[in-house]
Amino acid sequence: MHLATTPPPPYYAVIFTSVRSDIIEGYAETAQRMEELAKQQPGYLGHEAAREQIGVTVSYWESLEAIRNWKTNTEHILAQQTGRSDWYTAYTTRICLVERAYSWGDFNL
C-alpha cells in the first residue's frame, strides 16, 4: 500500500466518490491513463484510491488553479464524459482545503 506524500499544509484535496455501473470495458485502462496524466499536471501532489462498486479517489493539488487546469484537460474531459455515459451511476466531487495533516506508521509497504 502506498499513500501520497504531500507537503506541509495548506494544499487542496479533491475527493471523487463514485458508484460504478456494470460496464467495465475500458474503465481500468482509462483510470490508469488518468493517473499517469494527472501526475504530469503542474500542481499535482499525489493521490490515493480505493475502487470497488463504490470508489473513492482523493487527489492532492497545490492550488485551485491547478485543480481547474486538471478539470479542463482534454483527455480528462473525455474520461468524464465516458464516466457519465458508461461507468458511473452517480458521483460527487468535493474540493477541500487541507489545513492540517499528520500520520503514524509506515504506509509505504
Protein backbone atom coordinates (compact mmCIF):
# COMPACT_ATOMS: atom_id res chain seq x y z
CA MET A 1 0.00 0.00 0.00
CA HIS A 2 1.28 3.47 -0.80
CA LEU A 3 -0.16 6.75 0.42
CA ALA A 4 0.56 10.05 -1.27
CA THR A 5 3.46 12.04 0.07
CA THR A 6 2.24 15.60 0.42
CA PRO A 7 3.98 18.79 1.53
CA PRO A 8 3.08 20.56 4.75
CA PRO A 9 -0.39 22.19 4.54
CA PRO A 10 -2.02 24.16 3.20
CA TYR A 11 -2.86 22.39 -0.05
CA TYR A 12 -6.06 21.13 -1.65
CA ALA A 13 -7.74 17.73 -1.82
CA VAL A 14 -10.23 16.72 -4.49
CA ILE A 15 -12.40 13.85 -3.25
CA PHE A 16 -14.16 11.95 -6.04
CA THR A 17 -16.69 9.41 -4.76
CA SER A 18 -18.49 7.27 -7.31
CA VAL A 19 -20.94 4.42 -7.71
CA ARG A 20 -19.95 2.11 -10.56
CA SER A 21 -22.26 0.76 -13.22
CA ASP A 22 -21.97 -2.80 -14.52
CA ILE A 23 -19.98 -1.62 -17.56
CA ILE A 24 -16.29 -2.37 -17.10
CA GLU A 25 -14.96 -2.13 -20.66
CA GLY A 26 -12.18 0.43 -20.82
CA TYR A 27 -12.51 1.53 -17.19
CA ALA A 28 -9.23 0.16 -15.80
CA GLU A 29 -7.22 1.40 -18.75
CA THR A 30 -8.74 4.87 -18.54
CA ALA A 31 -8.23 5.03 -14.76
CA GLN A 32 -4.56 4.14 -15.28
CA ARG A 33 -4.20 6.77 -18.04
CA MET A 34 -5.84 9.45 -15.88
CA GLU A 35 -3.39 8.62 -13.08
CA GLU A 36 -0.44 8.95 -15.47
CA LEU A 37 -1.82 12.16 -16.97
CA ALA A 38 -2.60 13.75 -13.59
CA LYS A 39 1.00 13.14 -12.48
CA GLN A 40 2.14 15.29 -15.41
CA GLN A 41 -0.07 18.25 -14.45
CA PRO A 42 1.60 21.25 -12.78
CA GLY A 43 0.49 21.44 -9.16
CA TYR A 44 -0.28 17.70 -8.78
CA LEU A 45 0.94 16.40 -5.41
CA GLY A 46 -0.31 12.78 -5.34
CA HIS A 47 -3.42 10.65 -4.94
CA GLU A 48 -4.95 7.68 -3.13
CA ALA A 49 -7.76 5.45 -4.38
CA ALA A 50 -9.98 2.56 -3.34
CA ARG A 51 -12.17 1.15 -6.08
CA GLU A 52 -14.89 -1.44 -5.88
CA GLN A 53 -18.62 -0.90 -6.52
CA ILE A 54 -18.20 2.37 -4.60
CA GLY A 55 -14.95 4.14 -5.34
CA VAL A 56 -13.13 6.93 -3.57
CA THR A 57 -10.20 8.75 -5.12
CA VAL A 58 -8.51 11.61 -3.34
CA SER A 59 -6.04 13.70 -5.32
CA TYR A 60 -3.90 16.43 -3.86
CA TRP A 61 -3.09 19.75 -5.52
CA GLU A 62 -1.05 22.87 -4.81
CA SER A 63 -3.80 25.32 -5.76
CA LEU A 64 -7.34 25.83 -7.00
CA GLU A 65 -5.84 26.92 -10.33
CA ALA A 66 -4.08 23.55 -10.67
CA ILE A 67 -7.41 21.79 -9.98
CA ARG A 68 -9.19 23.92 -12.62
CA ASN A 69 -6.47 23.12 -15.15
CA TRP A 70 -6.85 19.39 -14.49
CA LYS A 71 -10.65 19.61 -14.79
CA THR A 72 -10.30 21.19 -18.25
CA ASN A 73 -7.64 18.79 -19.58
CA THR A 74 -8.92 17.42 -22.92
CA GLU A 75 -8.31 13.73 -22.13
CA HIS A 76 -9.78 14.19 -18.65
CA ILE A 77 -12.92 15.76 -20.16
CA LEU A 78 -13.33 12.72 -22.44
CA ALA A 79 -12.93 10.39 -19.44
CA GLN A 80 -15.52 12.44 -17.50
CA GLN A 81 -17.99 12.12 -20.38
CA THR A 82 -17.45 8.36 -20.66
CA GLY A 83 -17.81 8.06 -16.89
CA ARG A 84 -21.21 9.73 -17.02
CA SER A 85 -22.39 7.73 -20.04
CA ASP A 86 -20.94 4.30 -19.13
CA TRP A 87 -19.02 3.72 -15.90
CA TYR A 88 -20.92 5.51 -13.14
CA THR A 89 -24.49 5.60 -11.96
CA ALA A 90 -23.66 8.50 -9.63
CA TYR A 91 -20.72 10.51 -8.37
CA THR A 92 -19.84 13.54 -6.31
CA THR A 93 -16.74 15.69 -6.23
CA ARG A 94 -15.66 17.66 -3.18
CA ILE A 95 -12.83 20.18 -3.11
CA CYS A 96 -11.29 20.81 0.31
CA LEU A 97 -8.53 22.94 1.75
CA VAL A 98 -6.22 20.78 3.83
CA GLU A 99 -5.22 22.89 6.81
CA ARG A 100 -3.72 20.19 9.00
CA ALA A 101 -2.28 16.74 8.34
CA TYR A 102 -0.49 14.16 10.46
CA SER A 103 0.44 10.49 10.08
CA TRP A 104 1.52 7.46 12.02
CA GLY A 105 3.14 4.26 10.83
CA ASP A 106 4.78 3.09 7.61
CA PHE A 107 2.24 3.27 4.78
CA ASN A 108 4.79 2.59 2.05
CA LEU A 109 4.97 -1.17 2.48
